[in-house]
Amino acid sequence: CGEYFEQIEYRETYRDPQRDGAGRKRLLLSVRLRSQHETMTG
């Protein structure tokens, strides 16, 4: 994220070996970006 990093939040860990394969997991997170100098463009 560099200079645009504001926050990261852990949401959940999910395991489904049938869909994702054995030994795999999903990590869901939210990341918030913000510029200190201007409105970020899309």
PDB file of all heavy atoms in Angstrom:
ATOM      1  N   CYS A   1       0.817  -1.221   0.000  1.00  0.00           N
ATOM      2  CA  CYS A   1       0.000   0.000   0.000  1.00  0.00           C
ATOM      3  C   CYS A   1       0.844   1.261   0.000  1.00  0.00           C
ATOM      4  O   CYS A   1       0.375   2.323  -0.427  1.00  0.00           O
ATOM      5  CB  CYS A   1      -0.917   0.020   1.226  1.00  0.00           C
ATOM      6  SG  CYS A   1      -2.208  -1.222   1.193  1.00  0.00           S
ATOM      7  N   GLY A   2       2.052   1.161   0.506  1.00  0.00           N
ATOM      8  CA  GLY A   2       2.916   2.336   0.555  1.00  0.00           C
ATOM      9  C   GLY A   2       2.289   3.464   1.354  1.00  0.00           C
ATOM     10  O   GLY A   2       1.684   3.245   2.397  1.00  0.00           O
ATOM     11  N   GLU A   3       2.402   4.672   0.829  1.00  0.00           N
ATOM     12  CA  GLU A   3       1.919   5.864   1.527  1.00  0.00           C
ATOM     13  C   GLU A   3       0.397   5.902   1.664  1.00  0.00           C
ATOM     14  O   GLU A   3      -0.130   6.685   2.445  1.00  0.00           O
ATOM     15  CB  GLU A   3       2.388   7.118   0.801  1.00  0.00           C
ATOM     16  CG  GLU A   3       1.732   7.291  -0.564  1.00  0.00           C
ATOM     17  CD  GLU A   3       2.155   8.564  -1.273  1.00  0.00           C
ATOM     18  OE1 GLU A   3       1.727   9.654  -0.857  1.00  0.00           O
ATOM     19  OE2 GLU A   3       2.922   8.434  -2.248  1.00  0.00           O
ATOM     20  N   TYR A   4      -0.313   5.061   0.926  1.00  0.00           N
ATOM     21  CA  TYR A   4      -1.777   5.079   0.969  1.00  0.00           C
ATOM     22  C   TYR A   4      -2.365   4.179   2.061  1.00  0.00           C
ATOM     23  O   TYR A   4      -3.561   4.168   2.275  1.00  0.00           O
ATOM     24  CB  TYR A   4      -2.358   4.666  -0.384  1.00  0.00           C
ATOM     25  CG  TYR A   4      -1.975   5.615  -1.488  1.00  0.00           C
ATOM     26  CD1 TYR A   4      -1.164   5.206  -2.527  1.00  0.00           C
ATOM     27  CD2 TYR A   4      -2.424   6.934  -1.484  1.00  0.00           C
ATOM     28  CE1 TYR A   4      -0.809   6.082  -3.547  1.00  0.00           C
ATOM     29  CE2 TYR A   4      -2.073   7.816  -2.492  1.00  0.00           C
ATOM     30  CZ  TYR A   4      -1.267   7.378  -3.522  1.00  0.00           C
ATOM     31  OH  TYR A   4      -0.910   8.243  -4.521  1.00  0.00           O
ATOM     32  N   PHE A   5      -1.504   3.433   2.744  1.00  0.00           N
ATOM     33  CA  PHE A   5      -2.001   2.536   3.781  1.00  0.00           C
ATOM     34  C   PHE A   5      -2.600   3.320   4.950  1.00  0.00           C
ATOM     35  O   PHE A   5      -2.004   4.255   5.457  1.00  0.00           O
ATOM     36  CB  PHE A   5      -0.877   1.640   4.328  1.00  0.00           C
ATOM     37  CG  PHE A   5      -1.336   0.774   5.454  1.00  0.00           C
ATOM     38  CD1 PHE A   5      -2.052  -0.380   5.204  1.00  0.00           C
ATOM     39  CD2 PHE A   5      -1.090   1.129   6.765  1.00  0.00           C
ATOM     40  CE1 PHE A   5      -2.507  -1.164   6.247  1.00  0.00           C
ATOM     41  CE2 PHE A   5      -1.542   0.349   7.822  1.00  0.00           C
ATOM     42  CZ  PHE A   5      -2.253  -0.808   7.552  1.00  0.00           C
ATOM     43  N   GLU A   6      -3.810   2.901   5.353  1.00  0.00           N
ATOM     44  CA  GLU A   6      -4.398   3.458   6.568  1.00  0.00           C
ATOM     45  C   GLU A   6      -4.704   2.365   7.582  1.00  0.00           C
ATOM     46  O   GLU A   6      -4.407   2.517   8.757  1.00  0.00           O
ATOM     47  CB  GLU A   6      -5.669   4.249   6.273  1.00  0.00           C
ATOM     48  CG  GLU A   6      -6.238   4.879   7.546  1.00  0.00           C
ATOM     49  CD  GLU A   6      -7.356   5.850   7.267  1.00  0.00           C
ATOM     50  OE1 GLU A   6      -7.048   6.978   6.851  1.00  0.00           O
ATOM     51  OE2 GLU A   6      -8.522   5.474   7.462  1.00  0.00           O
ATOM     52  N   GLN A   7      -5.295   1.253   7.131  1.00  0.00           N
ATOM     53  CA  GLN A   7      -5.665   0.217   8.081  1.00  0.00           C
ATOM     54  C   GLN A   7      -5.840  -1.113   7.361  1.00  0.00           C
ATOM     55  O   GLN A   7      -6.273  -1.158   6.212  1.00  0.00           O
ATOM     56  CB  GLN A   7      -6.983   0.581   8.765  1.00  0.00           C
ATOM     57  CG  GLN A   7      -7.453  -0.426   9.779  1.00  0.00           C
ATOM     58  CD  GLN A   7      -8.773  -0.028  10.418  1.00  0.00           C
ATOM     59  OE1 GLN A   7      -9.419   0.938   9.984  1.00  0.00           O
ATOM     60  NE2 GLN A   7      -9.186  -0.740  11.424  1.00  0.00           N
ATOM     61  N   ILE A   8      -5.505  -2.177   8.064  1.00  0.00           N
ATOM     62  CA  ILE A   8      -5.822  -3.525   7.588  1.00  0.00           C
ATOM     63  C   ILE A   8      -6.555  -4.217   8.724  1.00  0.00           C
ATOM     64  O   ILE A   8      -6.221  -4.045   9.900  1.00  0.00           O
ATOM     65  CB  ILE A   8      -4.567  -4.303   7.153  1.00  0.00           C
ATOM     66  CG1 ILE A   8      -4.959  -5.634   6.518  1.00  0.00           C
ATOM     67  CG2 ILE A   8      -3.613  -4.502   8.309  1.00  0.00           C
ATOM     68  CD1 ILE A   8      -3.823  -6.360   5.832  1.00  0.00           C
ATOM     69  N   GLU A   9      -7.575  -4.977   8.354  1.00  0.00           N
ATOM     70  CA  GLU A   9      -8.364  -5.668   9.358  1.00  0.00           C
ATOM     71  C   GLU A   9      -8.575  -7.118   8.946  1.00  0.00           C
ATOM     72  O   GLU A   9      -9.026  -7.401   7.832  1.00  0.00           O
ATOM     73  CB  GLU A   9      -9.721  -4.976   9.522  1.00  0.00           C
ATOM     74  CG  GLU A   9     -10.555  -5.535  10.632  1.00  0.00           C
ATOM     75  CD  GLU A   9     -11.829  -4.728  10.850  1.00  0.00           C
ATOM     76  OE1 GLU A   9     -11.926  -3.583  10.365  1.00  0.00           O
ATOM     77  OE2 GLU A   9     -12.731  -5.274  11.491  1.00  0.00           O
ATOM     78  N   TYR A  10      -8.220  -8.019   9.848  1.00  0.00           N
ATOM     79  CA  TYR A  10      -8.471  -9.439   9.647  1.00  0.00           C
ATOM     80  C   TYR A  10      -9.969  -9.684   9.775  1.00  0.00           C
ATOM     81  O   TYR A  10     -10.614  -9.190  10.696  1.00  0.00           O
ATOM     82  CB  TYR A  10      -7.700 -10.237  10.704  1.00  0.00           C
ATOM     83  CG  TYR A  10      -8.109 -11.687  10.776  1.00  0.00           C
ATOM     84  CD1 TYR A  10      -7.580 -12.607   9.888  1.00  0.00           C
ATOM     85  CD2 TYR A  10      -9.012 -12.126  11.735  1.00  0.00           C
ATOM     86  CE1 TYR A  10      -7.951 -13.941   9.942  1.00  0.00           C
ATOM     87  CE2 TYR A  10      -9.380 -13.462  11.808  1.00  0.00           C
ATOM     88  CZ  TYR A  10      -8.849 -14.354  10.913  1.00  0.00           C
ATOM     89  OH  TYR A  10      -9.224 -15.668  10.974  1.00  0.00           O
ATOM     90  N   ARG A  11     -10.535 -10.428   8.846  1.00  0.00           N
ATOM     91  CA  ARG A  11     -11.966 -10.741   8.885  1.00  0.00           C
ATOM     92  C   ARG A  11     -12.209 -12.187   9.311  1.00  0.00           C
ATOM     93  O   ARG A  11     -12.957 -12.437  10.229  1.00  0.00           O
ATOM     94  CB  ARG A  11     -12.624 -10.495   7.528  1.00  0.00           C
ATOM     95  CG  ARG A  11     -12.656  -9.060   7.106  1.00  0.00           C
ATOM     96  CD  ARG A  11     -13.586  -8.297   7.997  1.00  0.00           C
ATOM     97  NE  ARG A  11     -13.672  -6.914   7.531  1.00  0.00           N
ATOM     98  CZ  ARG A  11     -14.350  -6.005   8.142  1.00  0.00           C
ATOM     99  NH1 ARG A  11     -15.001  -6.285   9.235  1.00  0.00           N
ATOM    100  NH2 ARG A  11     -14.369  -4.780   7.672  1.00  0.00           N
ATOM    101  N   GLU A  12     -11.618 -13.144   8.585  1.00  0.00           N
ATOM    102  CA  GLU A  12     -11.816 -14.539   8.965  1.00  0.00           C
ATOM    103  C   GLU A  12     -10.879 -15.454   8.198  1.00  0.00           C
ATOM    104  O   GLU A  12     -10.320 -15.079   7.173  1.00  0.00           O
ATOM    105  CB  GLU A  12     -13.258 -14.983   8.743  1.00  0.00           C
ATOM    106  CG  GLU A  12     -13.651 -15.136   7.294  1.00  0.00           C
ATOM    107  CD  GLU A  12     -15.071 -15.691   7.115  1.00  0.00           C
ATOM    108  OE1 GLU A  12     -15.474 -16.588   7.888  1.00  0.00           O
ATOM    109  OE2 GLU A  12     -15.757 -15.220   6.213  1.00  0.00           O
ATOM    110  N   THR A  13     -10.744 -16.654   8.731  1.00  0.00           N
ATOM    111  CA  THR A  13     -10.068 -17.751   8.049  1.00  0.00           C
ATOM    112  C   THR A  13     -11.127 -18.806   7.769  1.00  0.00           C
ATOM    113  O   THR A  13     -11.932 -19.133   8.646  1.00  0.00           O
ATOM    114  CB  THR A  13      -8.954 -18.350   8.924  1.00  0.00           C
ATOM    115  OG1 THR A  13      -7.998 -17.331   9.217  1.00  0.00           O
ATOM    116  CG2 THR A  13      -8.265 -19.503   8.213  1.00  0.00           C
ATOM    117  N   TYR A  14     -11.121 -19.324   6.551  1.00  0.00           N
ATOM    118  CA  TYR A  14     -12.130 -20.298   6.140  1.00  0.00           C
ATOM    119  C   TYR A  14     -11.418 -21.458   5.462  1.00  0.00           C
ATOM    120  O   TYR A  14     -10.514 -21.246   4.649  1.00  0.00           O
ATOM    121  CB  TYR A  14     -13.111 -19.634   5.170  1.00  0.00           C
ATOM    122  CG  TYR A  14     -14.158 -20.545   4.615  1.00  0.00           C
ATOM    123  CD1 TYR A  14     -15.270 -20.902   5.374  1.00  0.00           C
ATOM    124  CD2 TYR A  14     -14.048 -21.059   3.332  1.00  0.00           C
ATOM    125  CE1 TYR A  14     -16.248 -21.749   4.864  1.00  0.00           C
ATOM    126  CE2 TYR A  14     -15.013 -21.898   2.810  1.00  0.00           C
ATOM    127  CZ  TYR A  14     -16.110 -22.237   3.585  1.00  0.00           C
ATOM    128  OH  TYR A  14     -17.069 -23.066   3.082  1.00  0.00           O
ATOM    129  N   ARG A  15     -11.817 -22.657   5.821  1.00  0.00           N
ATOM    130  CA  ARG A  15     -11.231 -23.849   5.209  1.00  0.00           C
ATOM    131  C   ARG A  15     -12.332 -24.694   4.571  1.00  0.00           C
ATOM    132  O   ARG A  15     -13.336 -24.992   5.215  1.00  0.00           O
ATOM    133  CB  ARG A  15     -10.484 -24.654   6.265  1.00  0.00           C
ATOM    134  CG  ARG A  15      -9.232 -23.962   6.757  1.00  0.00           C
ATOM    135  CD  ARG A  15      -8.627 -24.700   7.949  1.00  0.00           C
ATOM    136  NE  ARG A  15      -7.406 -24.038   8.404  1.00  0.00           N
ATOM    137  CZ  ARG A  15      -7.384 -23.044   9.269  1.00  0.00           C
ATOM    138  NH1 ARG A  15      -8.505 -22.565   9.775  1.00  0.00           N
ATOM    139  NH2 ARG A  15      -6.237 -22.503   9.638  1.00  0.00           N
ATOM    140  N   ASP A  16     -12.106 -25.077   3.327  1.00  0.00           N
ATOM    141  CA  ASP A  16     -13.017 -25.962   2.611  1.00  0.00           C
ATOM    142  C   ASP A  16     -12.178 -26.833   1.676  1.00  0.00           C
ATOM    143  O   ASP A  16     -11.968 -26.485   0.506  1.00  0.00           O
ATOM    144  CB  ASP A  16     -14.048 -25.156   1.824  1.00  0.00           C
ATOM    145  CG  ASP A  16     -15.099 -26.024   1.156  1.00  0.00           C
ATOM    146  OD1 ASP A  16     -14.913 -27.267   1.066  1.00  0.00           O
ATOM    147  OD2 ASP A  16     -16.125 -25.477   0.720  1.00  0.00           O
ATOM    148  N   PRO A  17     -11.657 -27.946   2.202  1.00  0.00           N
ATOM    149  CA  PRO A  17     -10.761 -28.791   1.401  1.00  0.00           C
ATOM    150  C   PRO A  17     -11.387 -29.293   0.101  1.00  0.00           C
ATOM    151  O   PRO A  17     -10.683 -29.497  -0.883  1.00  0.00           O
ATOM    152  CB  PRO A  17     -10.439 -29.964   2.323  1.00  0.00           C
ATOM    153  CG  PRO A  17     -10.779 -29.508   3.694  1.00  0.00           C
ATOM    154  CD  PRO A  17     -11.837 -28.460   3.547  1.00  0.00           C
ATOM    155  N   GLN A  18     -12.697 -29.466   0.078  1.00  0.00           N
ATOM    156  CA  GLN A  18     -13.346 -29.951  -1.137  1.00  0.00           C
ATOM    157  C   GLN A  18     -13.299 -28.913  -2.258  1.00  0.00           C
ATOM    158  O   GLN A  18     -13.155 -29.255  -3.418  1.00  0.00           O
ATOM    159  CB  GLN A  18     -14.793 -30.344  -0.852  1.00  0.00           C
ATOM    160  CG  GLN A  18     -14.893 -31.584   0.021  1.00  0.00           C
ATOM    161  CD  GLN A  18     -16.324 -31.970   0.312  1.00  0.00           C
ATOM    162  OE1 GLN A  18     -17.227 -31.145   0.231  1.00  0.00           O
ATOM    163  NE2 GLN A  18     -16.525 -33.224   0.654  1.00  0.00           N
ATOM    164  N   ARG A  19     -13.419 -27.653  -1.909  1.00  0.00           N
ATOM    165  CA  ARG A  19     -13.409 -26.589  -2.931  1.00  0.00           C
ATOM    166  C   ARG A  19     -12.012 -26.053  -3.207  1.00  0.00           C
ATOM    167  O   ARG A  19     -11.697 -25.705  -4.345  1.00  0.00           O
ATOM    168  CB  ARG A  19     -14.308 -25.433  -2.492  1.00  0.00           C
ATOM    169  CG  ARG A  19     -15.779 -25.819  -2.507  1.00  0.00           C
ATOM    170  CD  ARG A  19     -16.645 -24.698  -2.058  1.00  0.00           C
ATOM    171  NE  ARG A  19     -16.658 -23.655  -3.083  1.00  0.00           N
ATOM    172  CZ  ARG A  19     -17.247 -22.495  -2.931  1.00  0.00           C
ATOM    173  NH1 ARG A  19     -17.872 -22.204  -1.805  1.00  0.00           N
ATOM    174  NH2 ARG A  19     -17.238 -21.611  -3.898  1.00  0.00           N
ATOM    175  N   ASP A  20     -11.210 -25.944  -2.157  1.00  0.00           N
ATOM    176  CA  ASP A  20      -9.922 -25.258  -2.286  1.00  0.00           C
ATOM    177  C   ASP A  20      -8.724 -26.197  -2.311  1.00  0.00           C
ATOM    178  O   ASP A  20      -7.621 -25.769  -2.638  1.00  0.00           O
ATOM    179  CB  ASP A  20      -9.750 -24.258  -1.140  1.00  0.00           C
ATOM    180  CG  ASP A  20     -10.877 -23.246  -1.107  1.00  0.00           C
ATOM    181  OD1 ASP A  20     -11.396 -22.892  -2.181  1.00  0.00           O
ATOM    182  OD2 ASP A  20     -11.246 -22.814   0.003  1.00  0.00           O
ATOM    183  N   GLY A  21      -8.923 -27.436  -1.937  1.00  0.00           N
ATOM    184  CA  GLY A  21      -7.835 -28.397  -1.897  1.00  0.00           C
ATOM    185  C   GLY A  21      -7.319 -28.596  -0.482  1.00  0.00           C
ATOM    186  O   GLY A  21      -7.432 -27.717   0.372  1.00  0.00           O
ATOM    187  N   ALA A  22      -6.758 -29.753  -0.262  1.00  0.00           N
ATOM    188  CA  ALA A  22      -6.202 -30.066   1.051  1.00  0.00           C
ATOM    189  C   ALA A  22      -5.017 -29.149   1.343  1.00  0.00           C
ATOM    190  O   ALA A  22      -4.250 -28.798   0.445  1.00  0.00           O
ATOM    191  CB  ALA A  22      -5.764 -31.526   1.090  1.00  0.00           C
ATOM    192  N   GLY A  23      -4.906 -28.750   2.587  1.00  0.00           N
ATOM    193  CA  GLY A  23      -3.780 -27.911   2.984  1.00  0.00           C
ATOM    194  C   GLY A  23      -3.893 -26.469   2.533  1.00  0.00           C
ATOM    195  O   GLY A  23      -2.904 -25.741   2.514  1.00  0.00           O
ATOM    196  N   ARG A  24      -5.097 -26.036   2.167  1.00  0.00           N
ATOM    197  CA  ARG A  24      -5.327 -24.663   1.715  1.00  0.00           C
ATOM    198  C   ARG A  24      -6.354 -24.004   2.633  1.00  0.00           C
ATOM    199  O   ARG A  24      -7.170 -24.675   3.261  1.00  0.00           O
ATOM    200  CB  ARG A  24      -5.843 -24.634   0.280  1.00  0.00           C
ATOM    201  CG  ARG A  24      -4.990 -25.381  -0.734  1.00  0.00           C
ATOM    202  CD  ARG A  24      -3.833 -24.618  -1.249  1.00  0.00           C
ATOM    203  NE  ARG A  24      -4.303 -23.626  -2.217  1.00  0.00           N
ATOM    204  CZ  ARG A  24      -3.557 -22.636  -2.662  1.00  0.00           C
ATOM    205  NH1 ARG A  24      -2.335 -22.481  -2.246  1.00  0.00           N
ATOM    206  NH2 ARG A  24      -4.041 -21.782  -3.525  1.00  0.00           N
ATOM    207  N   LYS A  25      -6.305 -22.694   2.701  1.00  0.00           N
ATOM    208  CA  LYS A  25      -7.274 -21.929   3.490  1.00  0.00           C
ATOM    209  C   LYS A  25      -7.499 -20.592   2.818  1.00  0.00           C
ATOM    210  O   LYS A  25      -6.722 -20.166   1.966  1.00  0.00           O
ATOM    211  CB  LYS A  25      -6.774 -21.718   4.927  1.00  0.00           C
ATOM    212  CG  LYS A  25      -5.496 -20.875   5.019  1.00  0.00           C
ATOM    213  CD  LYS A  25      -5.001 -20.791   6.442  1.00  0.00           C
ATOM    214  CE  LYS A  25      -3.667 -20.064   6.510  1.00  0.00           C
ATOM    215  NZ  LYS A  25      -3.104 -20.098   7.859  1.00  0.00           N
ATOM    216  N   ARG A  26      -8.578 -19.949   3.209  1.00  0.00           N
ATOM    217  CA  ARG A  26      -8.884 -18.606   2.719  1.00  0.00           C
ATOM    218  C   ARG A  26      -8.669 -17.618   3.855  1.00  0.00           C
ATOM    219  O   ARG A  26      -9.079 -17.864   4.986  1.00  0.00           O
ATOM    220  CB  ARG A  26     -10.336 -18.522   2.261  1.00  0.00           C
ATOM    221  CG  ARG A  26     -10.668 -19.459   1.135  1.00  0.00           C
ATOM    222  CD  ARG A  26     -12.121 -19.354   0.785  1.00  0.00           C
ATOM    223  NE  ARG A  26     -12.518 -20.477  -0.057  1.00  0.00           N
ATOM    224  CZ  ARG A  26     -13.647 -20.524  -0.725  1.00  0.00           C
ATOM    225  NH1 ARG A  26     -14.499 -19.513  -0.662  1.00  0.00           N
ATOM    226  NH2 ARG A  26     -13.949 -21.567  -1.457  1.00  0.00           N
ATOM    227  N   LEU A  27      -8.041 -16.519   3.545  1.00  0.00           N
ATOM    228  CA  LEU A  27      -7.876 -15.422   4.495  1.00  0.00           C
ATOM    229  C   LEU A  27      -8.596 -14.210   3.931  1.00  0.00           C
ATOM    230  O   LEU A  27      -8.249 -13.715   2.853  1.00  0.00           O
ATOM    231  CB  LEU A  27      -6.395 -15.101   4.725  1.00  0.00           C
ATOM    232  CG  LEU A  27      -5.585 -16.162   5.467  1.00  0.00           C
ATOM    233  CD1 LEU A  27      -4.110 -15.787   5.503  1.00  0.00           C
ATOM    234  CD2 LEU A  27      -6.110 -16.340   6.883  1.00  0.00           C
ATOM    235  N   LEU A  28      -9.612 -13.772   4.645  1.00  0.00           N
ATOM    236  CA  LEU A  28     -10.394 -12.608   4.239  1.00  0.00           C
ATOM    237  C   LEU A  28      -9.936 -11.409   5.047  1.00  0.00           C
ATOM    238  O   LEU A  28      -9.816 -11.483   6.275  1.00  0.00           O
ATOM    239  CB  LEU A  28     -11.881 -12.860   4.459  1.00  0.00           C
ATOM    240  CG  LEU A  28     -12.822 -11.695   4.154  1.00  0.00           C
ATOM    241  CD1 LEU A  28     -12.747 -11.291   2.692  1.00  0.00           C
ATOM    242  CD2 LEU A  28     -14.245 -12.063   4.539  1.00  0.00           C
ATOM    243  N   LEU A  29      -9.672 -10.307   4.360  1.00  0.00           N
ATOM    244  CA  LEU A  29      -9.214  -9.090   5.018  1.00  0.00           C
ATOM    245  C   LEU A  29      -9.845  -7.875   4.376  1.00  0.00           C
ATOM    246  O   LEU A  29     -10.325  -7.933   3.245  1.00  0.00           O
ATOM    247  CB  LEU A  29      -7.682  -8.992   4.953  1.00  0.00           C
ATOM    248  CG  LEU A  29      -7.056  -8.905   3.552  1.00  0.00           C
ATOM    249  CD1 LEU A  29      -6.804  -7.450   3.176  1.00  0.00           C
ATOM    250  CD2 LEU A  29      -5.766  -9.688   3.510  1.00  0.00           C
ATOM    251  N   SER A  30      -9.827  -6.795   5.120  1.00  0.00           N
ATOM    252  CA  SER A  30     -10.237  -5.490   4.589  1.00  0.00           C
ATOM    253  C   SER A  30      -9.038  -4.561   4.716  1.00  0.00           C
ATOM    254  O   SER A  30      -8.364  -4.545   5.746  1.00  0.00           O
ATOM    255  CB  SER A  30     -11.408  -4.908   5.379  1.00  0.00           C
ATOM    256  OG  SER A  30     -12.549  -5.692   5.198  1.00  0.00           O
ATOM    257  N   VAL A  31      -8.800  -3.807   3.667  1.00  0.00           N
ATOM    258  CA  VAL A  31      -7.717  -2.825   3.705  1.00  0.00           C
ATOM    259  C   VAL A  31      -8.301  -1.465   3.330  1.00  0.00           C
ATOM    260  O   VAL A  31      -9.091  -1.349   2.398  1.00  0.00           O
ATOM    261  CB  VAL A  31      -6.540  -3.223   2.775  1.00  0.00           C
ATOM    262  CG1 VAL A  31      -6.958  -3.302   1.323  1.00  0.00           C
ATOM    263  CG2 VAL A  31      -5.364  -2.278   2.942  1.00  0.00           C
ATOM    264  N   ARG A  32      -7.933  -0.461   4.120  1.00  0.00           N
ATOM    265  CA  ARG A  32      -8.417   0.901   3.866  1.00  0.00           C
ATOM    266  C   ARG A  32      -7.249   1.750   3.408  1.00  0.00           C
ATOM    267  O   ARG A  32      -6.207   1.801   4.049  1.00  0.00           O
ATOM    268  CB  ARG A  32      -9.064   1.497   5.109  1.00  0.00           C
ATOM    269  CG  ARG A  32      -9.678   2.861   4.811  1.00  0.00           C
ATOM    270  CD  ARG A  32     -10.608   3.366   5.880  1.00  0.00           C
ATOM    271  NE  ARG A  32      -9.998   3.348   7.189  1.00  0.00           N
ATOM    272  CZ  ARG A  32     -10.633   2.972   8.299  1.00  0.00           C
ATOM    273  NH1 ARG A  32     -11.882   2.566   8.262  1.00  0.00           N
ATOM    274  NH2 ARG A  32     -10.009   2.997   9.449  1.00  0.00           N
ATOM    275  N   LEU A  33      -7.456   2.429   2.292  1.00  0.00           N
ATOM    276  CA  LEU A  33      -6.469   3.308   1.681  1.00  0.00           C
ATOM    277  C   LEU A  33      -6.927   4.749   1.811  1.00  0.00           C
ATOM    278  O   LEU A  33      -8.119   5.035   1.728  1.00  0.00           O
ATOM    279  CB  LEU A  33      -6.306   2.977   0.198  1.00  0.00           C
ATOM    280  CG  LEU A  33      -6.073   1.511  -0.172  1.00  0.00           C
ATOM    281  CD1 LEU A  33      -6.118   1.347  -1.681  1.00  0.00           C
ATOM    282  CD2 LEU A  33      -4.774   1.013   0.409  1.00  0.00           C
ATOM    283  N   ARG A  34      -5.969   5.639   1.986  1.00  0.00           N
ATOM    284  CA  ARG A  34      -6.297   7.067   2.036  1.00  0.00           C
ATOM    285  C   ARG A  34      -5.026   7.868   1.740  1.00  0.00           C
ATOM    286  O   ARG A  34      -3.956   7.550   2.226  1.00  0.00           O
ATOM    287  CB  ARG A  34      -6.832   7.455   3.417  1.00  0.00           C
ATOM    288  CG  ARG A  34      -7.343   8.889   3.476  1.00  0.00           C
ATOM    289  CD  ARG A  34      -7.741   9.312   4.883  1.00  0.00           C
ATOM    290  NE  ARG A  34      -8.568   8.388   5.599  1.00  0.00           N
ATOM    291  CZ  ARG A  34      -9.869   8.540   5.811  1.00  0.00           C
ATOM    292  NH1 ARG A  34     -10.494   9.585   5.345  1.00  0.00           N
ATOM    293  NH2 ARG A  34     -10.543   7.644   6.512  1.00  0.00           N
ATOM    294  N   SER A  35      -5.184   8.894   0.985  1.00  0.00           N
ATOM    295  CA  SER A  35      -4.084   9.827   0.746  1.00  0.00           C
ATOM    296  C   SER A  35      -4.138  10.934   1.782  1.00  0.00           C
ATOM    297  O   SER A  35      -5.222  11.408   2.137  1.00  0.00           O
ATOM    298  CB  SER A  35      -4.187  10.431  -0.652  1.00  0.00           C
ATOM    299  OG  SER A  35      -3.212  11.446  -0.818  1.00  0.00           O
ATOM    300  N   GLN A  36      -2.988  11.344   2.238  1.00  0.00           N
ATOM    301  CA  GLN A  36      -2.905  12.462   3.173  1.00  0.00           C
ATOM    302  C   GLN A  36      -2.850  13.808   2.453  1.00  0.00           C
ATOM    303  O   GLN A  36      -2.936  14.856   3.089  1.00  0.00           O
ATOM    304  CB  GLN A  36      -1.664  12.312   4.053  1.00  0.00           C
ATOM    305  CG  GLN A  36      -1.677  11.058   4.910  1.00  0.00           C
ATOM    306  CD  GLN A  36      -2.855  11.035   5.860  1.00  0.00           C
ATOM    307  OE1 GLN A  36      -3.128  11.999   6.565  1.00  0.00           O
ATOM    308  NE2 GLN A  36      -3.579   9.922   5.865  1.00  0.00           N
ATOM    309  N   HIS A  37      -2.726  13.761   1.109  1.00  0.00           N
ATOM    310  CA  HIS A  37      -2.470  14.980   0.343  1.00  0.00           C
ATOM    311  C   HIS A  37      -3.548  15.343  -0.676  1.00  0.00           C
ATOM    312  O   HIS A  37      -3.598  16.482  -1.135  1.00  0.00           O
ATOM    313  CB  HIS A  37      -1.136  14.859  -0.381  1.00  0.00           C
ATOM    314  CG  HIS A  37      -0.033  14.395   0.507  1.00  0.00           C
ATOM    315  ND1 HIS A  37       0.515  15.177   1.495  1.00  0.00           N
ATOM    316  CD2 HIS A  37       0.606  13.211   0.578  1.00  0.00           C
ATOM    317  CE1 HIS A  37       1.445  14.505   2.125  1.00  0.00           C
ATOM    318  NE2 HIS A  37       1.530  13.310   1.596  1.00  0.00           N
ATOM    319  N   GLU A  38      -4.384  14.362  -1.045  1.00  0.00           N
ATOM    320  CA  GLU A  38      -5.373  14.607  -2.094  1.00  0.00           C
ATOM    321  C   GLU A  38      -6.426  13.500  -2.060  1.00  0.00           C
ATOM    322  O   GLU A  38      -6.234  12.470  -1.429  1.00  0.00           O
ATOM    323  CB  GLU A  38      -4.712  14.628  -3.467  1.00  0.00           C
ATOM    324  CG  GLU A  38      -4.068  13.291  -3.830  1.00  0.00           C
ATOM    325  CD  GLU A  38      -3.260  13.332  -5.099  1.00  0.00           C
ATOM    326  OE1 GLU A  38      -3.231  14.366  -5.767  1.00  0.00           O
ATOM    327  OE2 GLU A  38      -2.654  12.306  -5.437  1.00  0.00           O
ATOM    328  N   THR A  39      -7.490  13.710  -2.765  1.00  0.00           N
ATOM    329  CA  THR A  39      -8.477  12.645  -2.938  1.00  0.00           C
ATOM    330  C   THR A  39      -7.906  11.629  -3.912  1.00  0.00           C
ATOM    331  O   THR A  39      -7.469  11.993  -5.011  1.00  0.00           O
ATOM    332  CB  THR A  39      -9.798  13.213  -3.481  1.00  0.00           C
ATOM    333  OG1 THR A  39     -10.323  14.155  -2.533  1.00  0.00           O
ATOM    334  CG2 THR A  39     -10.816  12.117  -3.728  1.00  0.00           C
ATOM    335  N   MET A  40      -7.887  10.362  -3.497  1.00  0.00           N
ATOM    336  CA  MET A  40      -7.377   9.315  -4.387  1.00  0.00           C
ATOM    337  C   MET A  40      -8.333   9.125  -5.554  1.00  0.00           C
ATOM    338  O   MET A  40      -9.553   9.148  -5.377  1.00  0.00           O
ATOM    339  CB  MET A  40      -7.267   7.982  -3.639  1.00  0.00           C
ATOM    340  CG  MET A  40      -6.137   7.900  -2.664  1.00  0.00           C
ATOM    341  SD  MET A  40      -6.028   6.224  -1.938  1.00  0.00           S
ATOM    342  CE  MET A  40      -5.315   5.322  -3.309  1.00  0.00           C
ATOM    343  N   THR A  41      -7.788   8.915  -6.707  1.00  0.00           N
ATOM    344  CA  THR A  41      -8.612   8.583  -7.864  1.00  0.00           C
ATOM    345  C   THR A  41      -8.870   7.073  -7.865  1.00  0.00           C
ATOM    346  O   THR A  41      -8.152   6.300  -7.205  1.00  0.00           O
ATOM    347  CB  THR A  41      -7.923   8.974  -9.180  1.00  0.00           C
ATOM    348  OG1 THR A  41      -6.750   8.151  -9.343  1.00  0.00           O
ATOM    349  CG2 THR A  41      -7.545  10.446  -9.206  1.00  0.00           C
ATOM    350  N   GLY A  42      -9.867   6.675  -8.604  1.00  0.00           N
ATOM    351  CA  GLY A  42     -10.131   5.257  -8.754  1.00  0.00           C
ATOM    352  C   GLY A  42      -8.951   4.528  -9.359  1.00  0.00           C
ATOM    353  O   GLY A  42      -8.634   3.401  -8.968  1.00  0.00           O
TER     354      GLY A  42
END
